[in-house]
Amino acid sequence: YGERLATHDATLKGLADLRVDLLAAILRK
């Protein structure tokens, strides 16, 4: 339970940050 909670939460937050970084990179074009 702890492993799923830690890894999935971090993965979802990391992918959310990646989406923001991608949009920022596109807007710099």
mmCIF file of all heavy atoms, coordinates in Angstrom:
data_MODEL
# 
_entry.id   MODEL 
# 
loop_
_atom_site.group_PDB 
_atom_site.id 
_atom_site.type_symbol 
_atom_site.label_atom_id 
_atom_site.label_alt_id 
_atom_site.label_comp_id 
_atom_site.label_asym_id 
_atom_site.label_entity_id 
_atom_site.label_seq_id 
_atom_site.pdbx_PDB_ins_code 
_atom_site.Cartn_x 
_atom_site.Cartn_y 
_atom_site.Cartn_z 
_atom_site.occupancy 
_atom_site.B_iso_or_equiv 
_atom_site.pdbx_formal_charge 
_atom_site.auth_seq_id 
_atom_site.auth_comp_id 
_atom_site.auth_asym_id 
_atom_site.auth_atom_id 
_atom_site.pdbx_PDB_model_num 
ATOM 1   N N   . TYR A 1 1  ? 0.828  -1.200 0.000   1.00 0.00 ? 1  TYR A N   1 
ATOM 2   C CA  . TYR A 1 1  ? 0.000  0.000  0.000   1.00 0.00 ? 1  TYR A CA  1 
ATOM 3   C C   . TYR A 1 1  ? 0.871  1.262  0.000   1.00 0.00 ? 1  TYR A C   1 
ATOM 4   O O   . TYR A 1 1  ? 0.632  2.216  -0.745  1.00 0.00 ? 1  TYR A O   1 
ATOM 5   C CB  . TYR A 1 1  ? -0.927 0.009  1.216   1.00 0.00 ? 1  TYR A CB  1 
ATOM 6   C CG  . TYR A 1 1  ? -1.780 1.245  1.318   1.00 0.00 ? 1  TYR A CG  1 
ATOM 7   C CD1 . TYR A 1 1  ? -2.922 1.396  0.532   1.00 0.00 ? 1  TYR A CD1 1 
ATOM 8   C CD2 . TYR A 1 1  ? -1.437 2.275  2.193   1.00 0.00 ? 1  TYR A CD2 1 
ATOM 9   C CE1 . TYR A 1 1  ? -3.699 2.533  0.620   1.00 0.00 ? 1  TYR A CE1 1 
ATOM 10  C CE2 . TYR A 1 1  ? -2.212 3.418  2.284   1.00 0.00 ? 1  TYR A CE2 1 
ATOM 11  C CZ  . TYR A 1 1  ? -3.343 3.545  1.495   1.00 0.00 ? 1  TYR A CZ  1 
ATOM 12  O OH  . TYR A 1 1  ? -4.109 4.677  1.573   1.00 0.00 ? 1  TYR A OH  1 
ATOM 13  N N   . GLY A 1 2  ? 1.918  1.267  0.848   1.00 0.00 ? 2  GLY A N   1 
ATOM 14  C CA  . GLY A 1 2  ? 2.809  2.423  0.913   1.00 0.00 ? 2  GLY A CA  1 
ATOM 15  C C   . GLY A 1 2  ? 3.557  2.638  -0.391  1.00 0.00 ? 2  GLY A C   1 
ATOM 16  O O   . GLY A 1 2  ? 3.743  3.783  -0.844  1.00 0.00 ? 2  GLY A O   1 
ATOM 17  N N   . GLU A 1 3  ? 3.976  1.541  -1.023  1.00 0.00 ? 3  GLU A N   1 
ATOM 18  C CA  . GLU A 1 3  ? 4.705  1.661  -2.296  1.00 0.00 ? 3  GLU A CA  1 
ATOM 19  C C   . GLU A 1 3  ? 3.816  2.239  -3.388  1.00 0.00 ? 3  GLU A C   1 
ATOM 20  O O   . GLU A 1 3  ? 4.228  3.131  -4.142  1.00 0.00 ? 3  GLU A O   1 
ATOM 21  C CB  . GLU A 1 3  ? 5.221  0.272  -2.702  1.00 0.00 ? 3  GLU A CB  1 
ATOM 22  C CG  . GLU A 1 3  ? 5.976  0.243  -4.008  1.00 0.00 ? 3  GLU A CG  1 
ATOM 23  C CD  . GLU A 1 3  ? 5.089  -0.156 -5.180  1.00 0.00 ? 3  GLU A CD  1 
ATOM 24  O OE1 . GLU A 1 3  ? 4.122  -0.914 -4.945  1.00 0.00 ? 3  GLU A OE1 1 
ATOM 25  O OE2 . GLU A 1 3  ? 5.362  0.284  -6.309  1.00 0.00 ? 3  GLU A OE2 1 
ATOM 26  N N   . ARG A 1 4  ? 2.583  1.751  -3.483  1.00 0.00 ? 4  ARG A N   1 
ATOM 27  C CA  . ARG A 1 4  ? 1.659  2.286  -4.491  1.00 0.00 ? 4  ARG A CA  1 
ATOM 28  C C   . ARG A 1 4  ? 1.354  3.753  -4.219  1.00 0.00 ? 4  ARG A C   1 
ATOM 29  O O   . ARG A 1 4  ? 1.296  4.568  -5.149  1.00 0.00 ? 4  ARG A O   1 
ATOM 30  C CB  . ARG A 1 4  ? 0.370  1.459  -4.493  1.00 0.00 ? 4  ARG A CB  1 
ATOM 31  C CG  . ARG A 1 4  ? 0.553  0.016  -4.937  1.00 0.00 ? 4  ARG A CG  1 
ATOM 32  C CD  . ARG A 1 4  ? 0.993  -0.040 -6.399  1.00 0.00 ? 4  ARG A CD  1 
ATOM 33  N NE  . ARG A 1 4  ? 1.360  -1.374 -6.801  1.00 0.00 ? 4  ARG A NE  1 
ATOM 34  C CZ  . ARG A 1 4  ? 0.508  -2.282 -7.275  1.00 0.00 ? 4  ARG A CZ  1 
ATOM 35  N NH1 . ARG A 1 4  ? -0.773 -1.981 -7.352  1.00 0.00 ? 4  ARG A NH1 1 
ATOM 36  N NH2 . ARG A 1 4  ? 0.940  -3.468 -7.636  1.00 0.00 ? 4  ARG A NH2 1 
ATOM 37  N N   . LEU A 1 5  ? 1.155  4.072  -2.964  1.00 0.00 ? 5  LEU A N   1 
ATOM 38  C CA  . LEU A 1 5  ? 0.831  5.450  -2.614  1.00 0.00 ? 5  LEU A CA  1 
ATOM 39  C C   . LEU A 1 5  ? 1.990  6.384  -2.957  1.00 0.00 ? 5  LEU A C   1 
ATOM 40  O O   . LEU A 1 5  ? 1.790  7.445  -3.565  1.00 0.00 ? 5  LEU A O   1 
ATOM 41  C CB  . LEU A 1 5  ? 0.501  5.542  -1.123  1.00 0.00 ? 5  LEU A CB  1 
ATOM 42  C CG  . LEU A 1 5  ? 0.010  6.894  -0.609  1.00 0.00 ? 5  LEU A CG  1 
ATOM 43  C CD1 . LEU A 1 5  ? -1.307 7.268  -1.275  1.00 0.00 ? 5  LEU A CD1 1 
ATOM 44  C CD2 . LEU A 1 5  ? -0.146 6.867  0.901   1.00 0.00 ? 5  LEU A CD2 1 
ATOM 45  N N   . ALA A 1 6  ? 3.203  5.987  -2.614  1.00 0.00 ? 6  ALA A N   1 
ATOM 46  C CA  . ALA A 1 6  ? 4.360  6.855  -2.837  1.00 0.00 ? 6  ALA A CA  1 
ATOM 47  C C   . ALA A 1 6  ? 4.690  6.990  -4.319  1.00 0.00 ? 6  ALA A C   1 
ATOM 48  O O   . ALA A 1 6  ? 4.869  8.100  -4.832  1.00 0.00 ? 6  ALA A O   1 
ATOM 49  C CB  . ALA A 1 6  ? 5.576  6.321  -2.068  1.00 0.00 ? 6  ALA A CB  1 
ATOM 50  N N   . THR A 1 7  ? 4.766  5.866  -5.020  1.00 0.00 ? 7  THR A N   1 
ATOM 51  C CA  . THR A 1 7  ? 5.200  5.913  -6.422  1.00 0.00 ? 7  THR A CA  1 
ATOM 52  C C   . THR A 1 7  ? 4.137  6.499  -7.345  1.00 0.00 ? 7  THR A C   1 
ATOM 53  O O   . THR A 1 7  ? 4.450  7.285  -8.237  1.00 0.00 ? 7  THR A O   1 
ATOM 54  C CB  . THR A 1 7  ? 5.589  4.513  -6.899  1.00 0.00 ? 7  THR A CB  1 
ATOM 55  O OG1 . THR A 1 7  ? 4.465  3.609  -6.725  1.00 0.00 ? 7  THR A OG1 1 
ATOM 56  C CG2 . THR A 1 7  ? 6.775  3.984  -6.111  1.00 0.00 ? 7  THR A CG2 1 
ATOM 57  N N   . HIS A 1 8  ? 2.871  6.123  -7.135  1.00 0.00 ? 8  HIS A N   1 
ATOM 58  C CA  . HIS A 1 8  ? 1.826  6.642  -8.014  1.00 0.00 ? 8  HIS A CA  1 
ATOM 59  C C   . HIS A 1 8  ? 1.594  8.129  -7.775  1.00 0.00 ? 8  HIS A C   1 
ATOM 60  O O   . HIS A 1 8  ? 1.387  8.895  -8.726  1.00 0.00 ? 8  HIS A O   1 
ATOM 61  C CB  . HIS A 1 8  ? 0.534  5.859  -7.815  1.00 0.00 ? 8  HIS A CB  1 
ATOM 62  C CG  . HIS A 1 8  ? 0.553  4.492  -8.432  1.00 0.00 ? 8  HIS A CG  1 
ATOM 63  N ND1 . HIS A 1 8  ? 1.381  3.493  -7.975  1.00 0.00 ? 8  HIS A ND1 1 
ATOM 64  C CD2 . HIS A 1 8  ? -0.147 3.956  -9.463  1.00 0.00 ? 8  HIS A CD2 1 
ATOM 65  C CE1 . HIS A 1 8  ? 1.194  2.400  -8.702  1.00 0.00 ? 8  HIS A CE1 1 
ATOM 66  N NE2 . HIS A 1 8  ? 0.280  2.655  -9.616  1.00 0.00 ? 8  HIS A NE2 1 
ATOM 67  N N   . ASP A 1 9  ? 1.631  8.543  -6.526  1.00 0.00 ? 9  ASP A N   1 
ATOM 68  C CA  . ASP A 1 9  ? 1.462  9.969  -6.238  1.00 0.00 ? 9  ASP A CA  1 
ATOM 69  C C   . ASP A 1 9  ? 2.602  10.779 -6.858  1.00 0.00 ? 9  ASP A C   1 
ATOM 70  O O   . ASP A 1 9  ? 2.365  11.818 -7.484  1.00 0.00 ? 9  ASP A O   1 
ATOM 71  C CB  . ASP A 1 9  ? 1.425  10.178 -4.726  1.00 0.00 ? 9  ASP A CB  1 
ATOM 72  C CG  . ASP A 1 9  ? 1.283  11.648 -4.358  1.00 0.00 ? 9  ASP A CG  1 
ATOM 73  O OD1 . ASP A 1 9  ? 0.211  12.235 -4.588  1.00 0.00 ? 9  ASP A OD1 1 
ATOM 74  O OD2 . ASP A 1 9  ? 2.256  12.222 -3.836  1.00 0.00 ? 9  ASP A OD2 1 
ATOM 75  N N   . ALA A 1 10 ? 3.831  10.291 -6.693  1.00 0.00 ? 10 ALA A N   1 
ATOM 76  C CA  . ALA A 1 10 ? 4.967  11.009 -7.262  1.00 0.00 ? 10 ALA A CA  1 
ATOM 77  C C   . ALA A 1 10 ? 4.929  10.998 -8.785  1.00 0.00 ? 10 ALA A C   1 
ATOM 78  O O   . ALA A 1 10 ? 5.275  11.994 -9.442  1.00 0.00 ? 10 ALA A O   1 
ATOM 79  C CB  . ALA A 1 10 ? 6.272  10.388 -6.764  1.00 0.00 ? 10 ALA A CB  1 
ATOM 80  N N   . THR A 1 11 ? 4.500  9.872  -9.380  1.00 0.00 ? 11 THR A N   1 
ATOM 81  C CA  . THR A 1 11 ? 4.406  9.798  -10.835 1.00 0.00 ? 11 THR A CA  1 
ATOM 82  C C   . THR A 1 11 ? 3.386  10.780 -11.380 1.00 0.00 ? 11 THR A C   1 
ATOM 83  O O   . THR A 1 11 ? 3.651  11.506 -12.346 1.00 0.00 ? 11 THR A O   1 
ATOM 84  C CB  . THR A 1 11 ? 4.040  8.369  -11.278 1.00 0.00 ? 11 THR A CB  1 
ATOM 85  O OG1 . THR A 1 11 ? 5.083  7.473  -10.890 1.00 0.00 ? 11 THR A OG1 1 
ATOM 86  C CG2 . THR A 1 11 ? 3.868  8.288  -12.777 1.00 0.00 ? 11 THR A CG2 1 
ATOM 87  N N   . LEU A 1 12 ? 2.216  10.827 -10.780 1.00 0.00 ? 12 LEU A N   1 
ATOM 88  C CA  . LEU A 1 12 ? 1.180  11.746 -11.248 1.00 0.00 ? 12 LEU A CA  1 
ATOM 89  C C   . LEU A 1 12 ? 1.623  13.199 -11.114 1.00 0.00 ? 12 LEU A C   1 
ATOM 90  O O   . LEU A 1 12 ? 1.390  14.028 -12.011 1.00 0.00 ? 12 LEU A O   1 
ATOM 91  C CB  . LEU A 1 12 ? -0.117 11.503 -10.479 1.00 0.00 ? 12 LEU A CB  1 
ATOM 92  C CG  . LEU A 1 12 ? -0.808 10.162 -10.738 1.00 0.00 ? 12 LEU A CG  1 
ATOM 93  C CD1 . LEU A 1 12 ? -2.020 9.990  -9.835  1.00 0.00 ? 12 LEU A CD1 1 
ATOM 94  C CD2 . LEU A 1 12 ? -1.221 10.039 -12.203 1.00 0.00 ? 12 LEU A CD2 1 
ATOM 95  N N   . LYS A 1 13 ? 2.265  13.529 -10.002 1.00 0.00 ? 13 LYS A N   1 
ATOM 96  C CA  . LYS A 1 13 ? 2.749  14.897 -9.823  1.00 0.00 ? 13 LYS A CA  1 
ATOM 97  C C   . LYS A 1 13 ? 3.880  15.205 -10.805 1.00 0.00 ? 13 LYS A C   1 
ATOM 98  O O   . LYS A 1 13 ? 3.959  16.320 -11.342 1.00 0.00 ? 13 LYS A O   1 
ATOM 99  C CB  . LYS A 1 13 ? 3.220  15.095 -8.385  1.00 0.00 ? 13 LYS A CB  1 
ATOM 100 C CG  . LYS A 1 13 ? 2.086  15.122 -7.372  1.00 0.00 ? 13 LYS A CG  1 
ATOM 101 C CD  . LYS A 1 13 ? 2.606  15.320 -5.958  1.00 0.00 ? 13 LYS A CD  1 
ATOM 102 C CE  . LYS A 1 13 ? 1.462  15.389 -4.945  1.00 0.00 ? 13 LYS A CE  1 
ATOM 103 N NZ  . LYS A 1 13 ? 1.952  15.536 -3.557  1.00 0.00 ? 13 LYS A NZ  1 
ATOM 104 N N   . GLY A 1 14 ? 4.754  14.232 -11.027 1.00 0.00 ? 14 GLY A N   1 
ATOM 105 C CA  . GLY A 1 14 ? 5.843  14.443 -11.979 1.00 0.00 ? 14 GLY A CA  1 
ATOM 106 C C   . GLY A 1 14 ? 5.339  14.645 -13.392 1.00 0.00 ? 14 GLY A C   1 
ATOM 107 O O   . GLY A 1 14 ? 5.838  15.505 -14.128 1.00 0.00 ? 14 GLY A O   1 
ATOM 108 N N   . LEU A 1 15 ? 4.340  13.865 -13.800 1.00 0.00 ? 15 LEU A N   1 
ATOM 109 C CA  . LEU A 1 15 ? 3.764  14.029 -15.135 1.00 0.00 ? 15 LEU A CA  1 
ATOM 110 C C   . LEU A 1 15 ? 3.028  15.354 -15.257 1.00 0.00 ? 15 LEU A C   1 
ATOM 111 O O   . LEU A 1 15 ? 3.032  15.977 -16.325 1.00 0.00 ? 15 LEU A O   1 
ATOM 112 C CB  . LEU A 1 15 ? 2.824  12.865 -15.449 1.00 0.00 ? 15 LEU A CB  1 
ATOM 113 C CG  . LEU A 1 15 ? 3.483  11.488 -15.579 1.00 0.00 ? 15 LEU A CG  1 
ATOM 114 C CD1 . LEU A 1 15 ? 2.434  10.428 -15.864 1.00 0.00 ? 15 LEU A CD1 1 
ATOM 115 C CD2 . LEU A 1 15 ? 4.536  11.496 -16.686 1.00 0.00 ? 15 LEU A CD2 1 
ATOM 116 N N   . ALA A 1 16 ? 2.393  15.799 -14.174 1.00 0.00 ? 16 ALA A N   1 
ATOM 117 C CA  . ALA A 1 16 ? 1.744  17.115 -14.190 1.00 0.00 ? 16 ALA A CA  1 
ATOM 118 C C   . ALA A 1 16 ? 2.790  18.210 -14.387 1.00 0.00 ? 16 ALA A C   1 
ATOM 119 O O   . ALA A 1 16 ? 2.575  19.155 -15.173 1.00 0.00 ? 16 ALA A O   1 
ATOM 120 C CB  . ALA A 1 16 ? 0.970  17.336 -12.892 1.00 0.00 ? 16 ALA A CB  1 
ATOM 121 N N   . ASP A 1 17 ? 3.926  18.097 -13.703 1.00 0.00 ? 17 ASP A N   1 
ATOM 122 C CA  . ASP A 1 17 ? 5.005  19.070 -13.901 1.00 0.00 ? 17 ASP A CA  1 
ATOM 123 C C   . ASP A 1 17 ? 5.537  19.007 -15.325 1.00 0.00 ? 17 ASP A C   1 
ATOM 124 O O   . ASP A 1 17 ? 5.872  20.043 -15.927 1.00 0.00 ? 17 ASP A O   1 
ATOM 125 C CB  . ASP A 1 17 ? 6.141  18.796 -12.915 1.00 0.00 ? 17 ASP A CB  1 
ATOM 126 C CG  . ASP A 1 17 ? 5.749  19.104 -11.475 1.00 0.00 ? 17 ASP A CG  1 
ATOM 127 O OD1 . ASP A 1 17 ? 4.782  19.862 -11.278 1.00 0.00 ? 17 ASP A OD1 1 
ATOM 128 O OD2 . ASP A 1 17 ? 6.403  18.563 -10.560 1.00 0.00 ? 17 ASP A OD2 1 
ATOM 129 N N   . LEU A 1 18 ? 5.630  17.793 -15.878 1.00 0.00 ? 18 LEU A N   1 
ATOM 130 C CA  . LEU A 1 18 ? 6.120  17.638 -17.246 1.00 0.00 ? 18 LEU A CA  1 
ATOM 131 C C   . LEU A 1 18 ? 5.190  18.328 -18.237 1.00 0.00 ? 18 LEU A C   1 
ATOM 132 O O   . LEU A 1 18 ? 5.656  18.967 -19.195 1.00 0.00 ? 18 LEU A O   1 
ATOM 133 C CB  . LEU A 1 18 ? 6.265  16.150 -17.584 1.00 0.00 ? 18 LEU A CB  1 
ATOM 134 C CG  . LEU A 1 18 ? 6.750  15.824 -19.001 1.00 0.00 ? 18 LEU A CG  1 
ATOM 135 C CD1 . LEU A 1 18 ? 8.155  16.388 -19.224 1.00 0.00 ? 18 LEU A CD1 1 
ATOM 136 C CD2 . LEU A 1 18 ? 6.740  14.311 -19.243 1.00 0.00 ? 18 LEU A CD2 1 
ATOM 137 N N   . ARG A 1 19 ? 3.887  18.215 -18.016 1.00 0.00 ? 19 ARG A N   1 
ATOM 138 C CA  . ARG A 1 19 ? 2.937  18.901 -18.908 1.00 0.00 ? 19 ARG A CA  1 
ATOM 139 C C   . ARG A 1 19 ? 3.141  20.417 -18.862 1.00 0.00 ? 19 ARG A C   1 
ATOM 140 O O   . ARG A 1 19 ? 3.119  21.088 -19.901 1.00 0.00 ? 19 ARG A O   1 
ATOM 141 C CB  . ARG A 1 19 ? 1.511  18.535 -18.528 1.00 0.00 ? 19 ARG A CB  1 
ATOM 142 C CG  . ARG A 1 19 ? 1.135  17.088 -18.818 1.00 0.00 ? 19 ARG A CG  1 
ATOM 143 C CD  . ARG A 1 19 ? -0.341 16.836 -18.544 1.00 0.00 ? 19 ARG A CD  1 
ATOM 144 N NE  . ARG A 1 19 ? -0.698 15.468 -18.860 1.00 0.00 ? 19 ARG A NE  1 
ATOM 145 C CZ  . ARG A 1 19 ? -0.734 14.484 -17.969 1.00 0.00 ? 19 ARG A CZ  1 
ATOM 146 N NH1 . ARG A 1 19 ? -0.433 14.740 -16.702 1.00 0.00 ? 19 ARG A NH1 1 
ATOM 147 N NH2 . ARG A 1 19 ? -1.059 13.261 -18.332 1.00 0.00 ? 19 ARG A NH2 1 
ATOM 148 N N   . VAL A 1 20 ? 3.321  20.948 -17.669 1.00 0.00 ? 20 VAL A N   1 
ATOM 149 C CA  . VAL A 1 20 ? 3.552  22.388 -17.531 1.00 0.00 ? 20 VAL A CA  1 
ATOM 150 C C   . VAL A 1 20 ? 4.849  22.790 -18.238 1.00 0.00 ? 20 VAL A C   1 
ATOM 151 O O   . VAL A 1 20 ? 4.901  23.798 -18.956 1.00 0.00 ? 20 VAL A O   1 
ATOM 152 C CB  . VAL A 1 20 ? 3.588  22.786 -16.041 1.00 0.00 ? 20 VAL A CB  1 
ATOM 153 C CG1 . VAL A 1 20 ? 3.986  24.255 -15.888 1.00 0.00 ? 20 VAL A CG1 1 
ATOM 154 C CG2 . VAL A 1 20 ? 2.235  22.542 -15.390 1.00 0.00 ? 20 VAL A CG2 1 
ATOM 155 N N   . ASP A 1 21 ? 5.905  22.010 -18.034 1.00 0.00 ? 21 ASP A N   1 
ATOM 156 C CA  . ASP A 1 21 ? 7.184  22.311 -18.677 1.00 0.00 ? 21 ASP A CA  1 
ATOM 157 C C   . ASP A 1 21 ? 7.065  22.239 -20.204 1.00 0.00 ? 21 ASP A C   1 
ATOM 158 O O   . ASP A 1 21 ? 7.678  23.038 -20.924 1.00 0.00 ? 21 ASP A O   1 
ATOM 159 C CB  . ASP A 1 21 ? 8.260  21.330 -18.200 1.00 0.00 ? 21 ASP A CB  1 
ATOM 160 C CG  . ASP A 1 21 ? 8.597  21.521 -16.723 1.00 0.00 ? 21 ASP A CG  1 
ATOM 161 O OD1 . ASP A 1 21 ? 8.272  22.590 -16.172 1.00 0.00 ? 21 ASP A OD1 1 
ATOM 162 O OD2 . ASP A 1 21 ? 9.164  20.587 -16.124 1.00 0.00 ? 21 ASP A OD2 1 
ATOM 163 N N   . LEU A 1 22 ? 6.289  21.272 -20.697 1.00 0.00 ? 22 LEU A N   1 
ATOM 164 C CA  . LEU A 1 22 ? 6.098  21.148 -22.144 1.00 0.00 ? 22 LEU A CA  1 
ATOM 165 C C   . LEU A 1 22 ? 5.380  22.364 -22.713 1.00 0.00 ? 22 LEU A C   1 
ATOM 166 O O   . LEU A 1 22 ? 5.784  22.911 -23.753 1.00 0.00 ? 22 LEU A O   1 
ATOM 167 C CB  . LEU A 1 22 ? 5.296  19.881 -22.454 1.00 0.00 ? 22 LEU A CB  1 
ATOM 168 C CG  . LEU A 1 22 ? 6.090  18.581 -22.564 1.00 0.00 ? 22 LEU A CG  1 
ATOM 169 C CD1 . LEU A 1 22 ? 5.140  17.395 -22.656 1.00 0.00 ? 22 LEU A CD1 1 
ATOM 170 C CD2 . LEU A 1 22 ? 6.993  18.613 -23.785 1.00 0.00 ? 22 LEU A CD2 1 
ATOM 171 N N   . LEU A 1 23 ? 4.316  22.784 -22.054 1.00 0.00 ? 23 LEU A N   1 
ATOM 172 C CA  . LEU A 1 23 ? 3.587  23.954 -22.535 1.00 0.00 ? 23 LEU A CA  1 
ATOM 173 C C   . LEU A 1 23 ? 4.476  25.198 -22.499 1.00 0.00 ? 23 LEU A C   1 
ATOM 174 O O   . LEU A 1 23 ? 4.439  26.031 -23.419 1.00 0.00 ? 23 LEU A O   1 
ATOM 175 C CB  . LEU A 1 23 ? 2.330  24.169 -21.693 1.00 0.00 ? 23 LEU A CB  1 
ATOM 176 C CG  . LEU A 1 23 ? 1.243  23.098 -21.850 1.00 0.00 ? 23 LEU A CG  1 
ATOM 177 C CD1 . LEU A 1 23 ? 0.085  23.367 -20.906 1.00 0.00 ? 23 LEU A CD1 1 
ATOM 178 C CD2 . LEU A 1 23 ? 0.734  23.049 -23.292 1.00 0.00 ? 23 LEU A CD2 1 
ATOM 179 N N   . ALA A 1 24 ? 5.282  25.319 -21.449 1.00 0.00 ? 24 ALA A N   1 
ATOM 180 C CA  . ALA A 1 24 ? 6.198  26.464 -21.367 1.00 0.00 ? 24 ALA A CA  1 
ATOM 181 C C   . ALA A 1 24 ? 7.231  26.411 -22.493 1.00 0.00 ? 24 ALA A C   1 
ATOM 182 O O   . ALA A 1 24 ? 7.572  27.446 -23.087 1.00 0.00 ? 24 ALA A O   1 
ATOM 183 C CB  . ALA A 1 24 ? 6.888  26.479 -20.007 1.00 0.00 ? 24 ALA A CB  1 
ATOM 184 N N   . ALA A 1 25 ? 7.729  25.206 -22.812 1.00 0.00 ? 25 ALA A N   1 
ATOM 185 C CA  . ALA A 1 25 ? 8.711  25.072 -23.888 1.00 0.00 ? 25 ALA A CA  1 
ATOM 186 C C   . ALA A 1 25 ? 8.094  25.417 -25.243 1.00 0.00 ? 25 ALA A C   1 
ATOM 187 O O   . ALA A 1 25 ? 8.732  26.050 -26.086 1.00 0.00 ? 25 ALA A O   1 
ATOM 188 C CB  . ALA A 1 25 ? 9.265  23.644 -23.917 1.00 0.00 ? 25 ALA A CB  1 
ATOM 189 N N   . ILE A 1 26 ? 6.848  25.004 -25.443 1.00 0.00 ? 26 ILE A N   1 
ATOM 190 C CA  . ILE A 1 26 ? 6.176  25.317 -26.704 1.00 0.00 ? 26 ILE A CA  1 
ATOM 191 C C   . ILE A 1 26 ? 5.950  26.815 -26.833 1.00 0.00 ? 26 ILE A C   1 
ATOM 192 O O   . ILE A 1 26 ? 6.126  27.405 -27.911 1.00 0.00 ? 26 ILE A O   1 
ATOM 193 C CB  . ILE A 1 26 ? 4.849  24.549 -26.795 1.00 0.00 ? 26 ILE A CB  1 
ATOM 194 C CG1 . ILE A 1 26 ? 5.116  23.048 -26.944 1.00 0.00 ? 26 ILE A CG1 1 
ATOM 195 C CG2 . ILE A 1 26 ? 4.004  25.045 -27.963 1.00 0.00 ? 26 ILE A CG2 1 
ATOM 196 C CD1 . ILE A 1 26 ? 3.880  22.190 -26.885 1.00 0.00 ? 26 ILE A CD1 1 
ATOM 197 N N   . LEU A 1 27 ? 5.564  27.453 -25.737 1.00 0.00 ? 27 LEU A N   1 
ATOM 198 C CA  . LEU A 1 27 ? 5.297  28.887 -25.787 1.00 0.00 ? 27 LEU A CA  1 
ATOM 199 C C   . LEU A 1 27 ? 6.566  29.704 -26.001 1.00 0.00 ? 27 LEU A C   1 
ATOM 200 O O   . LEU A 1 27 ? 6.479  30.870 -26.394 1.00 0.00 ? 27 LEU A O   1 
ATOM 201 C CB  . LEU A 1 27 ? 4.594  29.331 -24.495 1.00 0.00 ? 27 LEU A CB  1 
ATOM 202 C CG  . LEU A 1 27 ? 3.164  28.828 -24.320 1.00 0.00 ? 27 LEU A CG  1 
ATOM 203 C CD1 . LEU A 1 27 ? 2.615  29.245 -22.975 1.00 0.00 ? 27 LEU A CD1 1 
ATOM 204 C CD2 . LEU A 1 27 ? 2.274  29.353 -25.439 1.00 0.00 ? 27 LEU A CD2 1 
ATOM 205 N N   . ARG A 1 28 ? 7.731  29.125 -25.753 1.00 0.00 ? 28 ARG A N   1 
ATOM 206 C CA  . ARG A 1 28 ? 8.979  29.833 -26.015 1.00 0.00 ? 28 ARG A CA  1 
ATOM 207 C C   . ARG A 1 28 ? 9.390  29.775 -27.473 1.00 0.00 ? 28 ARG A C   1 
ATOM 208 O O   . ARG A 1 28 ? 10.341 30.454 -27.877 1.00 0.00 ? 28 ARG A O   1 
ATOM 209 C CB  . ARG A 1 28 ? 10.107 29.258 -25.150 1.00 0.00 ? 28 ARG A CB  1 
ATOM 210 C CG  . ARG A 1 28 ? 10.011 29.609 -23.668 1.00 0.00 ? 28 ARG A CG  1 
ATOM 211 C CD  . ARG A 1 28 ? 11.309 29.304 -22.956 1.00 0.00 ? 28 ARG A CD  1 
ATOM 212 N NE  . ARG A 1 28 ? 11.635 27.901 -23.001 1.00 0.00 ? 28 ARG A NE  1 
ATOM 213 C CZ  . ARG A 1 28 ? 11.296 27.015 -22.075 1.00 0.00 ? 28 ARG A CZ  1 
ATOM 214 N NH1 . ARG A 1 28 ? 10.573 27.413 -21.025 1.00 0.00 ? 28 ARG A NH1 1 
ATOM 215 N NH2 . ARG A 1 28 ? 11.636 25.743 -22.176 1.00 0.00 ? 28 ARG A NH2 1 
ATOM 216 N N   . LYS A 1 29 ? 8.687  28.995 -28.267 1.00 0.00 ? 29 LYS A N   1 
ATOM 217 C CA  . LYS A 1 29 ? 9.036  28.876 -29.678 1.00 0.00 ? 29 LYS A CA  1 
ATOM 218 C C   . LYS A 1 29 ? 8.627  30.143 -30.431 1.00 0.00 ? 29 LYS A C   1 
ATOM 219 O O   . LYS A 1 29 ? 7.803  30.917 -29.960 1.00 0.00 ? 29 LYS A O   1 
ATOM 220 C CB  . LYS A 1 29 ? 8.350  27.644 -30.279 1.00 0.00 ? 29 LYS A CB  1 
ATOM 221 C CG  . LYS A 1 29 ? 8.834  26.332 -29.686 1.00 0.00 ? 29 LYS A CG  1 
ATOM 222 C CD  . LYS A 1 29 ? 8.150  25.159 -30.323 1.00 0.00 ? 29 LYS A CD  1 
ATOM 223 C CE  . LYS A 1 29 ? 8.583  23.859 -29.638 1.00 0.00 ? 29 LYS A CE  1 
ATOM 224 N NZ  . LYS A 1 29 ? 10.012 23.607 -29.802 1.00 0.00 ? 29 LYS A NZ  1 
# 
